[in-house]
Amino acid sequence: MARTRSQQSEVVTPIVGGARHPTDPVSTPDAPQRADMGRGGAVWGKHRVLLLNATYEPLTAISIRRAVVLVLRERADVVHTDERGPAIHSADVSMPVPSVIRLRTYVRVPYRAKIPMTRAALMHRDRFRCGYCGAKADTIDHVVPRSRGGAHNWENCVACCASCNHRKADRLLSELGWTLRTALTPPKGRHWRLLATVKEIDPSWSQYIDVGAA
């Protein structure tokens, strides 16, 4: 039988072939299939939960449904709950919406030194501030324009406000007399693979993710 789109999104490829990954959701009678979220129903699909390894190392951001299944299957424990969010109710279970959960068993994750450059990760690296004037950034600029041979990489991309992006156009900094506020370097650290996929960071995640590290 073909899987639905929601079911496909919950499947995780095991790290070790043939063995079930500890974070794989498993069908269980007591897992809420349609939790009563009240007015916060939209949160069920949009809210993300930080998944920590047994060592409290951040692994990834997952859906509420997947987080609840891991907790109910006793594969993870709730570390922090979303005090602003509604509770999750089913026929047999009532629990607050988690914001951070921790696996009970350590998962060995292959280390990949190269961090993918995504819009979200670059914005986090530059702390959502324009690399030219320091105003709030809302776009990305190539320091050396692509039309003039500039590369699309960490060393040539910077968060930028709309005003500076418009004024700079396809010119070089030397032609404008501009300078960068900080050096453009690739970030380092395992947690940056998580930041490459998440734009907004829940305040309760901050103690586990050093956003300022580069």
N, C-alpha and C. Protein backbone atom coordinates (compact mmCIF):
# COMPACT_ATOMS: atom_id res chain seq x y z
N MET A 1 0.85 -1.19 0.00
CA MET A 1 0.00 0.00 0.00
C MET A 1 0.88 1.24 0.00
N ALA A 2 0.60 2.23 -0.80
CA ALA A 2 1.42 3.44 -0.89
C ALA A 2 1.28 4.27 0.36
N ARG A 3 2.36 4.85 0.80
CA ARG A 3 2.35 5.69 1.99
C ARG A 3 1.75 7.05 1.64
N THR A 4 1.10 7.67 2.64
CA THR A 4 0.62 9.03 2.45
C THR A 4 1.79 9.97 2.58
N ARG A 5 1.62 11.24 2.17
CA ARG A 5 2.71 12.20 2.25
C ARG A 5 3.16 12.41 3.68
N SER A 6 2.19 12.46 4.65
CA SER A 6 2.57 12.67 6.05
C SER A 6 3.35 11.50 6.59
N GLN A 7 3.01 10.28 6.14
CA GLN A 7 3.74 9.10 6.60
C GLN A 7 5.15 9.08 6.05
N GLN A 8 5.30 9.51 4.80
CA GLN A 8 6.62 9.52 4.21
C GLN A 8 7.53 10.49 4.93
N SER A 9 6.98 11.61 5.41
CA SER A 9 7.82 12.62 6.06
C SER A 9 8.32 12.16 7.40
N GLU A 10 7.68 11.14 7.98
CA GLU A 10 8.08 10.68 9.30
C GLU A 10 9.11 9.57 9.25
N VAL A 11 9.41 9.05 8.06
CA VAL A 11 10.35 7.94 7.94
C VAL A 11 11.78 8.45 7.94
N VAL A 12 12.64 7.83 8.73
CA VAL A 12 14.05 8.21 8.79
C VAL A 12 14.89 7.04 8.33
N THR A 13 15.84 7.28 7.46
CA THR A 13 16.70 6.22 6.98
C THR A 13 17.68 5.81 8.08
N PRO A 14 17.73 4.55 8.46
CA PRO A 14 18.64 4.12 9.51
C PRO A 14 20.08 4.38 9.13
N ILE A 15 20.92 4.70 10.12
CA ILE A 15 22.34 4.94 9.87
C ILE A 15 23.02 3.63 9.52
N VAL A 16 22.65 2.57 10.20
CA VAL A 16 23.25 1.27 9.95
C VAL A 16 22.26 0.42 9.19
N GLY A 17 22.66 -0.07 8.02
CA GLY A 17 21.76 -0.84 7.18
C GLY A 17 21.22 -2.06 7.89
N GLY A 18 19.89 -2.25 7.80
CA GLY A 18 19.26 -3.43 8.36
C GLY A 18 18.84 -3.28 9.80
N ALA A 19 19.36 -2.29 10.51
CA ALA A 19 19.01 -2.11 11.91
C ALA A 19 18.11 -0.90 12.05
N ARG A 20 17.14 -0.97 12.92
CA ARG A 20 16.23 0.15 13.12
C ARG A 20 16.94 1.26 13.87
N HIS A 21 16.83 2.46 13.37
CA HIS A 21 17.44 3.62 14.01
C HIS A 21 16.62 3.98 15.24
N PRO A 22 17.26 4.32 16.36
CA PRO A 22 16.53 4.65 17.58
C PRO A 22 15.54 5.78 17.40
N THR A 23 15.74 6.65 16.41
CA THR A 23 14.81 7.77 16.22
C THR A 23 13.72 7.45 15.22
N ASP A 24 13.68 6.22 14.69
CA ASP A 24 12.63 5.83 13.77
C ASP A 24 11.31 5.74 14.51
N PRO A 25 10.26 6.41 14.03
CA PRO A 25 8.96 6.27 14.66
C PRO A 25 8.40 4.88 14.40
N VAL A 26 7.71 4.33 15.40
CA VAL A 26 7.13 3.01 15.27
C VAL A 26 5.66 3.09 15.60
N SER A 27 4.83 2.40 14.84
CA SER A 27 3.40 2.42 15.09
C SER A 27 3.12 1.84 16.46
N THR A 28 2.33 2.53 17.25
CA THR A 28 2.02 2.07 18.60
C THR A 28 0.60 2.49 18.96
N PRO A 29 -0.17 1.63 19.64
CA PRO A 29 -1.56 1.92 19.94
C PRO A 29 -1.74 3.20 20.76
N ASP A 30 -0.77 3.52 21.65
CA ASP A 30 -0.95 4.67 22.52
C ASP A 30 -0.37 5.95 21.95
N ALA A 31 0.13 5.92 20.71
CA ALA A 31 0.63 7.13 20.08
C ALA A 31 -0.55 7.92 19.52
N PRO A 32 -0.66 9.21 19.88
CA PRO A 32 -1.79 10.00 19.40
C PRO A 32 -1.75 10.19 17.90
N GLN A 33 -2.76 9.70 17.20
CA GLN A 33 -2.82 9.85 15.75
C GLN A 33 -3.41 11.20 15.38
N ARG A 34 -4.39 11.67 16.15
CA ARG A 34 -4.99 12.97 15.91
C ARG A 34 -5.14 13.67 17.26
N ALA A 35 -4.09 14.28 17.73
CA ALA A 35 -4.13 14.93 19.04
C ALA A 35 -5.02 16.15 18.98
N ASP A 36 -5.72 16.42 20.09
CA ASP A 36 -6.56 17.59 20.18
C ASP A 36 -5.71 18.78 20.58
N MET A 37 -5.42 19.66 19.62
CA MET A 37 -4.57 20.81 19.87
C MET A 37 -5.38 22.09 20.06
N GLY A 38 -6.69 21.99 19.99
CA GLY A 38 -7.51 23.17 20.18
C GLY A 38 -7.19 24.24 19.15
N ARG A 39 -7.10 25.49 19.61
CA ARG A 39 -6.79 26.59 18.71
C ARG A 39 -5.36 26.52 18.20
N GLY A 40 -4.52 25.74 18.85
CA GLY A 40 -3.12 25.64 18.43
C GLY A 40 -2.89 24.52 17.44
N GLY A 41 -3.96 24.07 16.77
CA GLY A 41 -3.84 22.94 15.85
C GLY A 41 -2.77 23.14 14.80
N ALA A 42 -2.58 24.40 14.36
CA ALA A 42 -1.57 24.66 13.33
C ALA A 42 -0.17 24.38 13.84
N VAL A 43 0.01 24.45 15.16
CA VAL A 43 1.32 24.22 15.76
C VAL A 43 1.80 22.80 15.48
N TRP A 44 0.83 21.87 15.41
CA TRP A 44 1.18 20.45 15.20
C TRP A 44 2.04 20.28 13.96
N GLY A 45 1.76 21.02 12.92
CA GLY A 45 2.50 20.86 11.68
C GLY A 45 3.71 21.75 11.56
N LYS A 46 3.72 22.91 12.24
CA LYS A 46 4.79 23.88 12.07
C LYS A 46 5.84 23.85 13.18
N HIS A 47 5.43 23.54 14.39
CA HIS A 47 6.35 23.55 15.53
C HIS A 47 7.39 22.45 15.38
N ARG A 48 8.64 22.76 15.70
CA ARG A 48 9.72 21.78 15.64
C ARG A 48 10.25 21.53 17.04
N VAL A 49 10.72 20.33 17.27
CA VAL A 49 11.26 19.92 18.56
C VAL A 49 12.74 19.57 18.39
N LEU A 50 13.58 20.07 19.27
CA LEU A 50 15.01 19.78 19.20
C LEU A 50 15.26 18.39 19.76
N LEU A 51 15.92 17.54 18.97
CA LEU A 51 16.27 16.19 19.40
C LEU A 51 17.73 16.16 19.80
N LEU A 52 17.99 15.79 21.06
CA LEU A 52 19.35 15.69 21.58
C LEU A 52 19.79 14.23 21.64
N ASN A 53 21.08 14.01 21.46
CA ASN A 53 21.63 12.69 21.67
C ASN A 53 21.64 12.41 23.17
N ALA A 54 21.99 11.21 23.56
CA ALA A 54 22.05 10.87 24.99
C ALA A 54 23.08 11.73 25.72
N THR A 55 24.05 12.27 24.98
CA THR A 55 25.10 13.11 25.54
C THR A 55 24.72 14.59 25.52
N TYR A 56 23.46 14.89 25.20
CA TYR A 56 22.93 16.26 25.10
C TYR A 56 23.48 17.02 23.89
N GLU A 57 24.06 16.31 22.96
CA GLU A 57 24.52 16.93 21.70
C GLU A 57 23.32 17.09 20.79
N PRO A 58 23.09 18.28 20.22
CA PRO A 58 21.95 18.46 19.32
C PRO A 58 22.11 17.65 18.05
N LEU A 59 21.04 16.94 17.66
CA LEU A 59 21.07 16.11 16.47
C LEU A 59 20.31 16.73 15.31
N THR A 60 19.03 17.04 15.56
CA THR A 60 18.21 17.58 14.49
C THR A 60 16.93 18.16 15.08
N ALA A 61 16.13 18.77 14.22
CA ALA A 61 14.82 19.29 14.63
C ALA A 61 13.76 18.39 14.01
N ILE A 62 12.82 17.92 14.81
CA ILE A 62 11.81 16.99 14.33
C ILE A 62 10.41 17.53 14.60
N SER A 63 9.42 16.88 14.03
CA SER A 63 8.03 17.29 14.21
C SER A 63 7.54 16.91 15.61
N ILE A 64 6.46 17.56 16.04
CA ILE A 64 5.86 17.23 17.34
C ILE A 64 5.41 15.77 17.35
N ARG A 65 4.77 15.34 16.26
CA ARG A 65 4.27 13.96 16.20
C ARG A 65 5.40 12.95 16.41
N ARG A 66 6.53 13.17 15.73
CA ARG A 66 7.65 12.25 15.86
C ARG A 66 8.22 12.28 17.27
N ALA A 67 8.29 13.48 17.85
CA ALA A 67 8.81 13.63 19.22
C ALA A 67 7.93 12.89 20.21
N VAL A 68 6.61 13.01 20.06
CA VAL A 68 5.67 12.35 20.97
C VAL A 68 5.80 10.84 20.86
N VAL A 69 5.95 10.33 19.64
CA VAL A 69 6.10 8.88 19.45
C VAL A 69 7.35 8.38 20.15
N LEU A 70 8.46 9.12 20.02
CA LEU A 70 9.72 8.71 20.67
C LEU A 70 9.57 8.68 22.19
N VAL A 71 8.85 9.66 22.74
CA VAL A 71 8.65 9.71 24.19
C VAL A 71 7.75 8.58 24.65
N LEU A 72 6.65 8.35 23.94
CA LEU A 72 5.71 7.29 24.32
C LEU A 72 6.33 5.90 24.19
N ARG A 73 7.25 5.74 23.25
CA ARG A 73 7.93 4.46 23.09
C ARG A 73 9.11 4.32 24.05
N GLU A 74 9.27 5.32 24.92
CA GLU A 74 10.34 5.33 25.93
C GLU A 74 11.73 5.28 25.30
N ARG A 75 11.86 5.88 24.13
CA ARG A 75 13.16 5.99 23.48
C ARG A 75 13.78 7.36 23.74
N ALA A 76 12.96 8.28 24.27
CA ALA A 76 13.45 9.62 24.56
C ALA A 76 12.69 10.17 25.76
N ASP A 77 13.31 11.14 26.42
CA ASP A 77 12.70 11.82 27.57
C ASP A 77 12.52 13.30 27.25
N VAL A 78 11.48 13.89 27.78
CA VAL A 78 11.24 15.31 27.59
C VAL A 78 12.19 16.10 28.49
N VAL A 79 12.95 17.02 27.90
CA VAL A 79 13.88 17.86 28.66
C VAL A 79 13.25 19.21 28.94
N HIS A 80 12.59 19.79 27.93
CA HIS A 80 11.90 21.07 28.09
C HIS A 80 10.56 20.99 27.38
N THR A 81 9.57 21.69 27.92
CA THR A 81 8.26 21.77 27.28
C THR A 81 8.01 23.19 26.83
N ASP A 82 7.11 23.33 25.89
CA ASP A 82 6.74 24.65 25.38
C ASP A 82 5.64 25.19 26.28
N GLU A 83 6.00 26.10 27.18
CA GLU A 83 5.04 26.63 28.14
C GLU A 83 3.96 27.47 27.45
N ARG A 84 4.26 27.98 26.27
CA ARG A 84 3.29 28.80 25.55
C ARG A 84 2.35 27.96 24.71
N GLY A 85 2.72 26.69 24.47
CA GLY A 85 1.94 25.84 23.58
C GLY A 85 0.84 25.09 24.31
N PRO A 86 -0.14 24.58 23.57
CA PRO A 86 -1.23 23.80 24.15
C PRO A 86 -0.76 22.40 24.51
N ALA A 87 -1.57 21.72 25.32
CA ALA A 87 -1.27 20.34 25.67
C ALA A 87 -1.77 19.43 24.56
N ILE A 88 -1.18 18.24 24.48
CA ILE A 88 -1.58 17.24 23.50
C ILE A 88 -2.46 16.22 24.21
N HIS A 89 -3.63 15.97 23.64
CA HIS A 89 -4.57 15.04 24.26
C HIS A 89 -4.96 13.95 23.27
N SER A 90 -5.05 12.73 23.79
CA SER A 90 -5.61 11.63 23.02
C SER A 90 -6.49 10.84 23.98
N ALA A 91 -6.97 9.70 23.58
CA ALA A 91 -7.86 8.93 24.44
C ALA A 91 -7.19 8.52 25.74
N ASP A 92 -5.88 8.24 25.68
CA ASP A 92 -5.19 7.72 26.87
C ASP A 92 -4.05 8.61 27.35
N VAL A 93 -3.70 9.64 26.60
CA VAL A 93 -2.50 10.41 26.92
C VAL A 93 -2.79 11.90 26.95
N SER A 94 -2.17 12.58 27.90
CA SER A 94 -2.22 14.04 27.95
C SER A 94 -0.82 14.51 28.35
N MET A 95 -0.22 15.35 27.51
CA MET A 95 1.12 15.82 27.80
C MET A 95 1.34 17.19 27.16
N PRO A 96 2.19 18.03 27.78
CA PRO A 96 2.48 19.34 27.18
C PRO A 96 3.32 19.18 25.93
N VAL A 97 3.25 20.15 25.05
CA VAL A 97 4.04 20.10 23.82
C VAL A 97 5.52 20.20 24.18
N PRO A 98 6.36 19.24 23.78
CA PRO A 98 7.78 19.31 24.10
C PRO A 98 8.50 20.29 23.18
N SER A 99 9.57 20.91 23.68
CA SER A 99 10.41 21.77 22.84
C SER A 99 11.79 21.15 22.67
N VAL A 100 12.20 20.33 23.66
CA VAL A 100 13.48 19.62 23.59
C VAL A 100 13.29 18.23 24.18
N ILE A 101 13.74 17.20 23.44
CA ILE A 101 13.73 15.84 23.98
C ILE A 101 15.12 15.25 23.83
N ARG A 102 15.41 14.22 24.64
CA ARG A 102 16.75 13.61 24.64
C ARG A 102 16.62 12.09 24.51
N LEU A 103 17.38 11.53 23.57
CA LEU A 103 17.38 10.08 23.38
C LEU A 103 17.96 9.38 24.61
N ARG A 104 17.41 8.24 24.94
CA ARG A 104 17.92 7.47 26.08
C ARG A 104 19.16 6.66 25.69
N THR A 105 19.26 6.33 24.41
CA THR A 105 20.40 5.55 23.92
C THR A 105 21.25 6.41 23.00
N TYR A 106 22.55 6.36 23.16
CA TYR A 106 23.46 7.17 22.33
C TYR A 106 23.44 6.68 20.88
N VAL A 107 23.36 7.64 19.97
CA VAL A 107 23.38 7.34 18.53
C VAL A 107 24.67 7.89 17.96
N ARG A 108 25.45 7.03 17.32
CA ARG A 108 26.70 7.45 16.71
C ARG A 108 26.40 8.05 15.34
N VAL A 109 26.76 9.31 15.17
CA VAL A 109 26.49 10.01 13.92
C VAL A 109 27.81 10.28 13.20
N PRO A 110 27.93 9.85 11.94
CA PRO A 110 29.16 10.11 11.18
C PRO A 110 29.43 11.61 11.10
N TYR A 111 30.67 12.00 11.36
CA TYR A 111 31.01 13.42 11.34
C TYR A 111 31.33 13.88 9.93
N ARG A 112 30.71 14.94 9.52
CA ARG A 112 30.98 15.56 8.22
C ARG A 112 31.45 16.98 8.48
N ALA A 113 32.71 17.24 8.15
CA ALA A 113 33.31 18.53 8.47
C ALA A 113 32.71 19.68 7.68
N LYS A 114 32.34 19.42 6.43
CA LYS A 114 31.83 20.50 5.58
C LYS A 114 30.38 20.79 5.90
N ILE A 115 30.09 22.05 6.23
CA ILE A 115 28.73 22.47 6.54
C ILE A 115 28.07 23.01 5.27
N PRO A 116 26.90 22.50 4.91
CA PRO A 116 26.24 23.01 3.70
C PRO A 116 25.84 24.47 3.89
N MET A 117 26.07 25.30 2.88
CA MET A 117 25.70 26.70 2.99
C MET A 117 24.27 26.88 2.51
N THR A 118 23.38 27.10 3.45
CA THR A 118 21.99 27.38 3.15
C THR A 118 21.67 28.80 3.60
N ARG A 119 20.55 29.31 3.16
CA ARG A 119 20.14 30.65 3.56
C ARG A 119 20.01 30.75 5.09
N ALA A 120 19.39 29.71 5.70
CA ALA A 120 19.19 29.73 7.14
C ALA A 120 20.53 29.74 7.89
N ALA A 121 21.46 28.88 7.47
CA ALA A 121 22.76 28.81 8.15
C ALA A 121 23.54 30.11 7.99
N LEU A 122 23.51 30.70 6.81
CA LEU A 122 24.25 31.94 6.59
C LEU A 122 23.66 33.08 7.42
N MET A 123 22.35 33.12 7.54
CA MET A 123 21.71 34.14 8.36
C MET A 123 22.10 33.98 9.83
N HIS A 124 22.17 32.73 10.28
CA HIS A 124 22.60 32.49 11.67
C HIS A 124 24.06 32.90 11.86
N ARG A 125 24.91 32.58 10.88
CA ARG A 125 26.33 32.95 11.00
C ARG A 125 26.49 34.46 11.15
N ASP A 126 25.73 35.22 10.35
CA ASP A 126 25.82 36.67 10.38
C ASP A 126 24.85 37.31 11.36
N ARG A 127 24.18 36.46 12.15
CA ARG A 127 23.25 36.90 13.20
C ARG A 127 22.16 37.81 12.67
N PHE A 128 21.72 37.52 11.46
CA PHE A 128 20.62 38.23 10.83
C PHE A 128 20.88 39.73 10.71
N ARG A 129 22.16 40.10 10.59
CA ARG A 129 22.54 41.50 10.43
C ARG A 129 23.27 41.69 9.11
N CYS A 130 23.03 42.83 8.47
CA CYS A 130 23.67 43.13 7.19
C CYS A 130 25.18 43.22 7.37
N GLY A 131 25.90 42.54 6.50
CA GLY A 131 27.36 42.54 6.59
C GLY A 131 27.99 43.85 6.20
N TYR A 132 27.19 44.78 5.66
CA TYR A 132 27.73 46.07 5.23
C TYR A 132 27.39 47.19 6.22
N CYS A 133 26.12 47.29 6.62
CA CYS A 133 25.70 48.41 7.49
C CYS A 133 25.27 48.00 8.88
N GLY A 134 25.00 46.72 9.10
CA GLY A 134 24.60 46.25 10.43
C GLY A 134 23.11 46.26 10.67
N ALA A 135 22.32 46.70 9.68
CA ALA A 135 20.87 46.70 9.83
C ALA A 135 20.33 45.27 9.75
N LYS A 136 19.05 45.10 10.02
CA LYS A 136 18.45 43.77 9.95
C LYS A 136 18.53 43.24 8.53
N ALA A 137 19.04 42.04 8.37
CA ALA A 137 19.20 41.44 7.05
C ALA A 137 17.94 40.73 6.61
N ASP A 138 17.63 40.82 5.34
CA ASP A 138 16.48 40.11 4.81
C ASP A 138 16.77 39.42 3.47
N THR A 139 18.05 39.44 3.08
CA THR A 139 18.43 38.77 1.84
C THR A 139 19.90 38.37 1.92
N ILE A 140 20.42 37.78 0.85
CA ILE A 140 21.82 37.36 0.80
C ILE A 140 22.49 38.02 -0.40
N ASP A 141 23.72 38.47 -0.21
CA ASP A 141 24.44 39.13 -1.30
C ASP A 141 25.75 38.42 -1.57
N HIS A 142 26.15 38.40 -2.85
CA HIS A 142 27.46 37.89 -3.23
C HIS A 142 28.42 39.07 -3.24
N VAL A 143 29.43 39.04 -2.38
CA VAL A 143 30.37 40.15 -2.25
C VAL A 143 30.98 40.46 -3.61
N VAL A 144 31.53 39.45 -4.25
CA VAL A 144 31.94 39.58 -5.65
C VAL A 144 30.78 39.04 -6.45
N PRO A 145 30.06 39.88 -7.20
CA PRO A 145 28.86 39.45 -7.91
C PRO A 145 29.09 38.23 -8.80
N ARG A 146 28.08 37.39 -8.91
CA ARG A 146 28.19 36.21 -9.76
C ARG A 146 28.49 36.62 -11.20
N SER A 147 27.95 37.78 -11.63
CA SER A 147 28.18 38.24 -12.99
C SER A 147 29.63 38.62 -13.25
N ARG A 148 30.39 38.74 -12.14
CA ARG A 148 31.80 39.12 -12.28
C ARG A 148 32.72 38.02 -11.75
N GLY A 149 32.18 36.79 -11.76
CA GLY A 149 32.99 35.63 -11.40
C GLY A 149 32.96 35.22 -9.96
N GLY A 150 32.11 35.84 -9.15
CA GLY A 150 32.05 35.50 -7.74
C GLY A 150 31.45 34.12 -7.49
N ALA A 151 31.97 33.43 -6.49
CA ALA A 151 31.50 32.08 -6.16
C ALA A 151 30.33 32.12 -5.18
N HIS A 152 29.57 31.05 -5.18
CA HIS A 152 28.46 30.91 -4.22
C HIS A 152 28.96 30.03 -3.07
N ASN A 153 29.67 30.63 -2.14
CA ASN A 153 30.23 29.88 -1.01
C ASN A 153 30.27 30.75 0.23
N TRP A 154 30.71 30.14 1.34
CA TRP A 154 30.75 30.85 2.62
C TRP A 154 31.62 32.10 2.57
N GLU A 155 32.70 32.05 1.81
CA GLU A 155 33.66 33.16 1.77
C GLU A 155 33.21 34.32 0.90
N ASN A 156 32.16 34.12 0.09
CA ASN A 156 31.74 35.20 -0.81
C ASN A 156 30.27 35.59 -0.64
N CYS A 157 29.59 35.00 0.33
CA CYS A 157 28.19 35.34 0.56
C CYS A 157 28.02 35.97 1.94
N VAL A 158 27.12 36.93 2.04
CA VAL A 158 26.92 37.66 3.28
C VAL A 158 25.45 38.03 3.42
N ALA A 159 24.97 38.05 4.66
CA ALA A 159 23.61 38.52 4.91
C ALA A 159 23.56 40.01 4.58
N CYS A 160 22.46 40.45 4.04
CA CYS A 160 22.41 41.83 3.54
C CYS A 160 20.99 42.39 3.67
N CYS A 161 20.91 43.70 3.93
CA CYS A 161 19.60 44.35 3.96
C CYS A 161 19.21 44.73 2.54
N ALA A 162 17.94 44.96 2.31
CA ALA A 162 17.46 45.28 0.96
C ALA A 162 18.08 46.56 0.43
N SER A 163 18.28 47.54 1.32
CA SER A 163 18.84 48.83 0.88
C SER A 163 20.26 48.68 0.35
N CYS A 164 21.11 47.98 1.12
CA CYS A 164 22.50 47.79 0.67
C CYS A 164 22.56 46.91 -0.57
N ASN A 165 21.69 45.92 -0.62
CA ASN A 165 21.67 45.03 -1.78
C ASN A 165 21.33 45.81 -3.05
N HIS A 166 20.40 46.74 -2.92
CA HIS A 166 20.00 47.54 -4.08
C HIS A 166 21.10 48.52 -4.47
N ARG A 167 21.72 49.15 -3.49
CA ARG A 167 22.77 50.14 -3.77
C ARG A 167 24.03 49.49 -4.35
N LYS A 168 24.35 48.30 -3.85
CA LYS A 168 25.56 47.63 -4.31
C LYS A 168 25.40 47.09 -5.72
N ALA A 169 24.24 46.51 -6.01
CA ALA A 169 23.96 45.94 -7.34
C ALA A 169 25.08 44.97 -7.73
N ASP A 170 25.70 45.18 -8.91
CA ASP A 170 26.74 44.26 -9.38
C ASP A 170 28.14 44.87 -9.30
N ARG A 171 28.30 45.78 -8.34
CA ARG A 171 29.60 46.44 -8.19
C ARG A 171 30.44 45.77 -7.11
N LEU A 172 31.75 46.02 -7.15
CA LEU A 172 32.68 45.51 -6.15
C LEU A 172 32.74 46.47 -4.97
N LEU A 173 33.16 45.96 -3.81
CA LEU A 173 33.25 46.82 -2.64
C LEU A 173 34.27 47.94 -2.85
N SER A 174 35.35 47.63 -3.55
CA SER A 174 36.38 48.64 -3.81
C SER A 174 35.84 49.79 -4.65
N GLU A 175 34.87 49.52 -5.48
CA GLU A 175 34.27 50.55 -6.32
C GLU A 175 33.33 51.45 -5.53
N LEU A 176 32.84 50.94 -4.41
CA LEU A 176 31.93 51.71 -3.58
C LEU A 176 32.61 52.32 -2.35
N GLY A 177 33.82 51.81 -2.06
CA GLY A 177 34.49 52.26 -0.85
C GLY A 177 33.93 51.62 0.41
N TRP A 178 33.24 50.46 0.24
CA TRP A 178 32.66 49.75 1.37
C TRP A 178 33.63 48.73 1.94
N THR A 179 33.37 48.33 3.18
CA THR A 179 34.13 47.25 3.81
C THR A 179 33.15 46.34 4.54
N LEU A 180 33.55 45.10 4.72
CA LEU A 180 32.72 44.16 5.46
C LEU A 180 32.90 44.36 6.95
N ARG A 181 31.85 44.16 7.71
CA ARG A 181 31.90 44.34 9.16
C ARG A 181 32.71 43.22 9.81
N THR A 182 32.65 42.01 9.26
CA THR A 182 33.39 40.87 9.80
C THR A 182 33.92 40.01 8.65
N ALA A 183 34.91 39.21 8.95
CA ALA A 183 35.46 38.30 7.93
C ALA A 183 34.44 37.20 7.64
N LEU A 184 34.37 36.77 6.41
CA LEU A 184 33.43 35.72 6.00
C LEU A 184 34.13 34.38 6.02
N THR A 185 33.80 33.56 7.00
CA THR A 185 34.42 32.24 7.15
C THR A 185 33.36 31.17 7.33
N PRO A 186 33.65 29.95 6.91
CA PRO A 186 32.70 28.85 7.11
C PRO A 186 32.55 28.54 8.60
N PRO A 187 31.35 28.33 9.10
CA PRO A 187 31.18 27.97 10.52
C PRO A 187 31.68 26.57 10.78
N LYS A 188 32.02 26.29 12.02
CA LYS A 188 32.52 24.97 12.39
C LYS A 188 31.71 24.44 13.58
N GLY A 189 31.51 23.14 13.59
CA GLY A 189 30.77 22.52 14.69
C GLY A 189 29.61 21.71 14.17
N ARG A 190 29.33 20.59 14.84
CA ARG A 190 28.27 19.68 14.42
C ARG A 190 26.90 20.36 14.40
N HIS A 191 26.67 21.27 15.36
CA HIS A 191 25.35 21.88 15.48
C HIS A 191 25.00 22.74 14.27
N TRP A 192 25.99 23.13 13.46
CA TRP A 192 25.70 23.97 12.31
C TRP A 192 24.95 23.20 11.23
N ARG A 193 25.01 21.89 11.22
CA ARG A 193 24.22 21.12 10.28
C ARG A 193 22.74 21.25 10.63
N LEU A 194 22.45 21.41 11.90
CA LEU A 194 21.08 21.65 12.35
C LEU A 194 20.64 23.06 11.97
N LEU A 195 21.52 24.04 12.21
CA LEU A 195 21.18 25.43 11.90
C LEU A 195 20.99 25.65 10.41
N ALA A 196 21.56 24.78 9.60
CA ALA A 196 21.41 24.91 8.15
C ALA A 196 19.99 24.60 7.70
N THR A 197 19.19 23.99 8.59
CA THR A 197 17.83 23.59 8.21
C THR A 197 16.74 24.32 8.98
N VAL A 198 17.13 25.10 10.00
CA VAL A 198 16.14 25.76 10.85
C VAL A 198 16.37 27.26 10.87
N LYS A 199 15.33 28.02 10.53
CA LYS A 199 15.47 29.48 10.52
C LYS A 199 15.28 30.06 11.92
N GLU A 200 14.20 29.67 12.58
CA GLU A 200 13.90 30.22 13.90
C GLU A 200 14.28 29.22 14.99
N ILE A 201 15.02 29.71 15.99
CA ILE A 201 15.49 28.88 17.09
C ILE A 201 14.65 29.14 18.33
N ASP A 202 14.08 28.08 18.89
CA ASP A 202 13.32 28.20 20.13
C ASP A 202 14.27 28.64 21.24
N PRO A 203 13.87 29.59 22.09
CA PRO A 203 14.74 30.06 23.18
C PRO A 203 15.29 28.93 24.06
N SER A 204 14.51 27.87 24.24
CA SER A 204 14.96 26.77 25.09
C SER A 204 16.08 25.96 24.45
N TRP A 205 16.34 26.17 23.15
CA TRP A 205 17.41 25.45 22.47
C TRP A 205 18.77 26.09 22.69
N SER A 206 18.79 27.37 23.07
CA SER A 206 20.03 28.15 23.08
C SER A 206 21.15 27.54 23.92
N GLN A 207 20.82 26.90 25.02
CA GLN A 207 21.85 26.32 25.89
C GLN A 207 22.50 25.09 25.27
N TYR A 208 21.90 24.53 24.21
CA TYR A 208 22.45 23.37 23.55
C TYR A 208 23.08 23.71 22.21
N ILE A 209 22.77 24.89 21.69
CA ILE A 209 23.30 25.30 20.38
C ILE A 209 24.03 26.62 20.51
N ASP A 210 25.31 26.61 20.22
CA ASP A 210 26.12 27.83 20.29
C ASP A 210 26.05 28.52 18.93
N VAL A 211 25.02 29.33 18.73
CA VAL A 211 24.80 29.98 17.44
C VAL A 211 25.94 30.92 17.09
N GLY A 212 26.57 31.51 18.09
CA GLY A 212 27.62 32.48 17.85
C GLY A 212 28.94 31.86 17.46
N ALA A 213 29.07 30.53 17.63
CA ALA A 213 30.35 29.89 17.29
C ALA A 213 30.52 29.83 15.80
N ALA A 214 31.73 30.04 15.32
CA ALA A 214 31.99 30.00 13.90
C ALA A 214 33.37 29.43 13.65
